[in-house]
Amino acid sequence: MARREPDGPVVAVSKALKAVLRLGTILLETGETTAVVEEAVRRVGKALGASAVEVNANPSRVLVSIEQEGLAVTGFTTIHRTGVRLSLASDALSLIARLEQELMKPDQFEAELESLASQPRNYSWWLTALAVGAACGAFGVLLGGSGRDFLVICLAASLAQGVRHHLMATRMGSFLTTAVIAGLASSSGWWLAGDDFRVPAAASILMLVPGVPLLNGIADLLKGDSLSGLARLTNAMVTIIMAGAGVWVAVLSLGLTDSVG
């Protein structure tokens, strides 16, 4: 008996659901606020022909329900990783504008969205590590460090960022990675700086400060999305705590409790 092919409307609404779920996943993984994600999903759903789009997004999953031509489908996807790639989010939002203006077909939108998601970062990991080192070094100068401190911080922070990049590619959790990198960066700053280690040790871990999650958490709270806001702020606070724990372990291991007391 021949297999019955799905009806056209069923295929259309299923493809629309798949597209909006993929979009929501990409935007959340790049660090966008839930309000932006939900609005983007609604826009794409409407542009793909849906008569109604209901969406609920939070930092860990996206739930979408689409109604089209009398059919309604619901689906969700789980967010397994998060980061900060706002340039990717901006490119994805640009695709939405082109879809709404009918400058591309739905199939082309899905293909370009997948192409964006699979693109590597604009800069290599070692160049990013050097940039992070320079930024931390500049903060060290703002904190009162000398030119020598600037060089020390650049070396320590660049080394830590390079190790961080490789650890994030393993199964080690983000919180444990933060603690390890905080300990490595602060101890490297102490080892390179010698006796005058306070500024280098502190500035070398500034790349671990979760600035975007903190801002997005506050933005979510101000927009009335309490669940997402509290989840982001909790994640950011745990990151800060783990960074502090990593530094404290380094201090105890190096016997510097009297020096920092």
Protein backbone atom coordinates (compact mmCIF):
# COMPACT_ATOMS: atom_id res chain seq x y z
CA MET A 1 0.00 0.00 0.00
CA ALA A 2 1.41 3.38 -1.01
CA ARG A 3 2.26 5.78 1.79
CA ARG A 4 -0.10 8.73 1.93
CA GLU A 5 1.68 12.05 1.62
CA PRO A 6 0.78 14.76 4.14
CA ASP A 7 -1.69 17.40 3.02
CA GLY A 8 -0.30 20.73 1.80
CA PRO A 9 -1.58 22.82 4.74
CA VAL A 10 -0.12 20.34 7.22
CA VAL A 11 3.29 20.56 5.57
CA ALA A 12 3.12 24.36 5.47
CA VAL A 13 2.24 24.82 9.12
CA SER A 14 4.81 22.22 10.20
CA LYS A 15 7.55 23.97 8.23
CA ALA A 16 6.54 27.32 9.70
CA LEU A 17 6.74 25.87 13.21
CA LYS A 18 10.17 24.41 12.53
CA ALA A 19 11.43 27.73 11.18
CA VAL A 20 10.25 29.84 14.11
CA LEU A 21 11.57 27.36 16.67
CA ARG A 22 14.97 27.42 14.96
CA LEU A 23 14.94 31.21 14.95
CA GLY A 24 14.06 31.38 18.65
CA THR A 25 16.83 28.94 19.50
CA ILE A 26 19.45 30.92 17.59
CA LEU A 27 18.44 34.24 19.14
CA LEU A 28 18.45 32.89 22.70
CA GLU A 29 21.82 31.20 22.17
CA THR A 30 23.30 34.51 21.03
CA GLY A 31 22.21 36.38 24.16
CA GLU A 32 19.07 38.27 23.08
CA THR A 33 16.39 39.23 25.56
CA THR A 34 13.22 37.16 25.68
CA ALA A 35 11.11 40.13 24.54
CA VAL A 36 13.16 40.43 21.33
CA VAL A 37 12.98 36.66 20.78
CA GLU A 38 9.22 36.49 21.22
CA GLU A 39 8.61 39.46 18.93
CA ALA A 40 10.91 37.99 16.25
CA VAL A 41 9.13 34.63 16.38
CA ARG A 42 5.73 36.31 15.99
CA ARG A 43 6.96 38.37 13.02
CA VAL A 44 8.33 35.32 11.21
CA GLY A 45 5.23 33.27 11.93
CA LYS A 46 3.02 35.99 10.46
CA ALA A 47 5.34 36.41 7.47
CA LEU A 48 5.10 32.66 6.80
CA GLY A 49 1.31 32.85 6.64
CA ALA A 50 0.21 32.02 10.19
CA SER A 51 -3.04 33.56 11.31
CA ALA A 52 -2.05 33.38 14.99
CA VAL A 53 1.26 32.85 16.78
CA GLU A 54 1.61 32.28 20.52
CA VAL A 55 5.12 32.11 21.94
CA ASN A 56 6.66 31.79 25.37
CA ALA A 57 10.43 32.07 25.59
CA ASN A 58 12.78 31.84 28.54
CA PRO A 59 16.54 31.27 28.78
CA SER A 60 16.13 27.48 28.74
CA ARG A 61 13.41 26.81 26.13
CA VAL A 62 11.08 28.21 23.49
CA LEU A 63 7.43 27.12 23.26
CA VAL A 64 5.48 28.10 20.13
CA SER A 65 1.93 27.46 18.95
CA ILE A 66 0.98 28.33 15.36
CA GLU A 67 -2.44 28.41 13.72
CA GLN A 68 -2.71 28.42 9.93
CA GLU A 69 -5.59 27.55 7.60
CA GLY A 70 -7.61 26.07 10.45
CA LEU A 71 -4.73 23.89 11.65
CA ALA A 72 -2.87 24.43 14.92
CA VAL A 73 0.47 22.90 15.90
CA THR A 74 2.58 23.36 19.01
CA GLY A 75 6.23 22.61 19.59
CA PHE A 76 9.12 23.50 21.83
CA THR A 77 12.89 23.37 21.78
CA THR A 78 15.43 23.34 24.60
CA ILE A 79 18.39 25.70 24.77
CA HIS A 80 21.55 23.75 25.51
CA ARG A 81 24.13 26.51 25.25
CA THR A 82 24.23 30.26 25.59
CA GLY A 83 26.77 32.90 24.76
CA VAL A 84 27.12 36.41 23.41
CA ARG A 85 27.07 36.76 19.61
CA LEU A 86 25.05 39.90 19.04
CA SER A 87 26.33 40.25 15.46
CA LEU A 88 24.70 36.91 14.62
CA ALA A 89 21.47 38.05 16.27
CA SER A 90 21.57 41.26 14.22
CA ASP A 91 22.02 39.29 10.98
CA ALA A 92 19.09 37.03 11.89
CA LEU A 93 16.86 40.05 12.54
CA SER A 94 17.89 41.47 9.17
CA LEU A 95 16.69 38.25 7.53
CA ILE A 96 13.31 38.73 9.18
CA ALA A 97 12.98 42.20 7.66
CA ARG A 98 13.79 40.80 4.21
CA LEU A 99 11.20 38.04 4.67
CA GLU A 100 8.51 40.54 5.70
CA GLN A 101 9.29 42.68 2.67
CA GLU A 102 8.93 39.56 0.49
CA LEU A 103 12.53 39.88 -0.71
CA MET A 104 13.02 36.17 -0.09
CA LYS A 105 10.91 33.03 -0.12
CA PRO A 106 10.27 30.94 3.03
CA ASP A 107 12.59 28.15 1.87
CA GLN A 108 15.34 30.69 1.22
CA PHE A 109 14.81 32.19 4.66
CA GLU A 110 15.24 28.81 6.33
CA ALA A 111 18.36 28.06 4.29
CA GLU A 112 19.99 31.41 5.08
CA LEU A 113 19.08 31.10 8.74
CA GLU A 114 20.85 27.75 8.93
CA SER A 115 23.80 29.21 7.06
CA LEU A 116 24.08 32.00 9.62
CA ALA A 117 23.89 29.56 12.53
CA SER A 118 26.68 27.40 11.10
CA GLN A 119 29.03 30.29 10.41
CA PRO A 120 32.20 30.40 12.52
CA ARG A 121 32.97 33.43 14.60
CA ASN A 122 34.39 36.43 12.79
CA TYR A 123 37.72 36.24 14.61
CA SER A 124 39.97 33.33 15.53
CA TRP A 125 40.23 32.24 19.16
CA TRP A 126 43.80 33.47 19.53
CA LEU A 127 42.96 36.94 18.18
CA THR A 128 40.01 37.08 20.57
CA ALA A 129 42.33 36.08 23.42
CA LEU A 130 44.72 38.91 22.57
CA ALA A 131 41.85 41.41 22.39
CA VAL A 132 40.54 40.22 25.76
CA GLY A 133 44.01 40.60 27.23
CA ALA A 134 44.32 44.15 25.92
CA ALA A 135 40.88 45.06 27.28
CA CYS A 136 41.67 43.67 30.72
CA GLY A 137 45.01 45.47 30.65
CA ALA A 138 43.25 48.75 29.90
CA PHE A 139 40.92 48.17 32.87
CA GLY A 140 43.98 47.53 35.00
CA VAL A 141 45.37 50.94 34.06
CA LEU A 142 42.02 52.51 34.95
CA LEU A 143 42.27 50.78 38.32
CA GLY A 144 45.61 52.49 38.94
CA GLY A 145 48.01 49.98 37.42
CA SER A 146 51.31 50.91 35.83
CA GLY A 147 52.58 50.23 32.32
CA ARG A 148 54.23 47.08 33.63
CA ASP A 149 50.92 46.01 35.16
CA PHE A 150 49.29 46.51 31.77
CA LEU A 151 51.69 44.04 30.14
CA VAL A 152 51.31 41.56 32.99
CA ILE A 153 47.51 41.68 32.79
CA CYS A 154 47.57 41.33 29.01
CA LEU A 155 49.63 38.15 29.28
CA ALA A 156 47.63 36.63 32.14
CA ALA A 157 44.20 37.44 30.68
CA SER A 158 45.17 36.30 27.17
CA LEU A 159 46.43 32.99 28.53
CA ALA A 160 43.26 32.51 30.58
CA GLN A 161 40.99 33.36 27.64
CA GLY A 162 42.81 30.89 25.41
CA VAL A 163 42.38 28.11 27.96
CA ARG A 164 38.77 29.15 28.44
CA HIS A 165 38.07 28.77 24.74
CA HIS A 166 39.32 25.19 24.74
CA LEU A 167 37.56 24.27 27.98
CA MET A 168 34.23 25.50 26.62
CA ALA A 169 34.58 22.99 23.80
CA THR A 170 34.63 20.15 26.34
CA ARG A 171 31.84 18.81 28.53
CA MET A 172 32.98 20.89 31.49
CA GLY A 173 30.11 23.09 32.68
CA SER A 174 30.25 26.84 32.30
CA PHE A 175 30.30 27.47 36.07
CA LEU A 176 33.20 25.11 36.71
CA THR A 177 35.02 26.59 33.73
CA THR A 178 34.55 30.05 35.22
CA ALA A 179 36.07 28.96 38.53
CA VAL A 180 39.05 27.30 36.83
CA ILE A 181 39.75 30.30 34.60
CA ALA A 182 39.39 32.75 37.49
CA GLY A 183 41.95 30.80 39.48
CA LEU A 184 44.30 30.52 36.49
CA ALA A 185 44.05 34.21 35.56
CA SER A 186 44.51 35.55 39.09
CA SER A 187 47.40 33.20 39.91
CA SER A 188 49.08 34.05 36.58
CA GLY A 189 48.72 37.74 37.37
CA TRP A 190 50.31 37.17 40.77
CA TRP A 191 53.14 35.04 39.36
CA LEU A 192 53.99 37.59 36.65
CA ALA A 193 53.60 40.68 38.85
CA GLY A 194 55.46 39.49 41.95
CA ASP A 195 54.86 41.34 45.19
CA ASP A 196 52.68 44.09 43.71
CA PHE A 197 49.99 41.71 42.47
CA ARG A 198 46.67 43.19 43.61
CA VAL A 199 45.74 45.12 40.46
CA PRO A 200 47.01 42.47 37.98
CA ALA A 201 45.25 39.66 39.85
CA ALA A 202 41.96 41.57 39.93
CA ALA A 203 42.01 42.94 36.38
CA SER A 204 42.98 39.60 34.84
CA ILE A 205 39.55 38.10 35.57
CA LEU A 206 37.40 40.99 34.30
CA MET A 207 36.51 39.06 31.12
CA LEU A 208 34.49 36.71 33.36
CA VAL A 209 32.07 39.43 34.45
CA PRO A 210 28.65 38.45 32.93
CA GLY A 211 27.74 41.90 31.69
CA VAL A 212 25.25 40.94 28.96
CA PRO A 213 23.30 38.42 31.12
CA LEU A 214 23.06 41.01 33.90
CA LEU A 215 21.75 43.70 31.55
CA ASN A 216 19.35 41.30 29.82
CA GLY A 217 18.08 40.05 33.18
CA ILE A 218 17.32 43.59 34.28
CA ALA A 219 15.70 44.34 30.90
CA ASP A 220 13.46 41.28 31.21
CA LEU A 221 12.41 42.29 34.72
CA LEU A 222 11.60 45.85 33.63
CA LYS A 223 9.45 44.48 30.79
CA GLY A 224 7.47 42.30 33.20
CA ASP A 225 9.07 38.96 32.34
CA SER A 226 9.91 38.01 35.92
CA LEU A 227 10.74 34.35 35.26
CA SER A 228 13.30 35.04 32.53
CA GLY A 229 14.72 38.05 34.37
CA LEU A 230 15.28 36.14 37.59
CA ALA A 231 16.74 33.17 35.69
CA ARG A 232 19.27 35.36 33.90
CA LEU A 233 20.21 37.26 37.05
CA THR A 234 20.58 34.02 39.00
CA ASN A 235 22.85 32.63 36.31
CA ALA A 236 24.93 35.82 36.37
CA MET A 237 25.22 35.82 40.17
CA VAL A 238 26.30 32.17 40.25
CA THR A 239 28.93 32.99 37.62
CA ILE A 240 30.26 35.80 39.81
CA ILE A 241 30.27 33.54 42.87
CA MET A 242 32.17 30.83 40.99
CA ALA A 243 34.72 33.38 39.77
CA GLY A 244 35.22 34.51 43.36
CA ALA A 245 35.57 30.91 44.48
CA GLY A 246 38.22 30.30 41.85
CA VAL A 247 40.21 33.33 42.98
CA TRP A 248 39.92 32.30 46.63
CA VAL A 249 41.18 28.78 45.89
CA ALA A 250 44.13 30.32 44.06
CA VAL A 251 44.85 32.60 47.03
CA LEU A 252 44.77 29.66 49.44
CA SER A 253 46.91 27.49 47.15
CA LEU A 254 49.54 30.20 46.77
CA GLY A 255 49.56 31.09 50.46
CA LEU A 256 48.54 34.70 49.91
CA THR A 257 45.89 34.95 52.62
CA ASP A 258 48.02 37.32 54.69
CA SER A 259 48.79 39.52 51.69
CA VAL A 260 45.14 39.99 50.70
CA GLY A 261 43.75 40.17 54.18
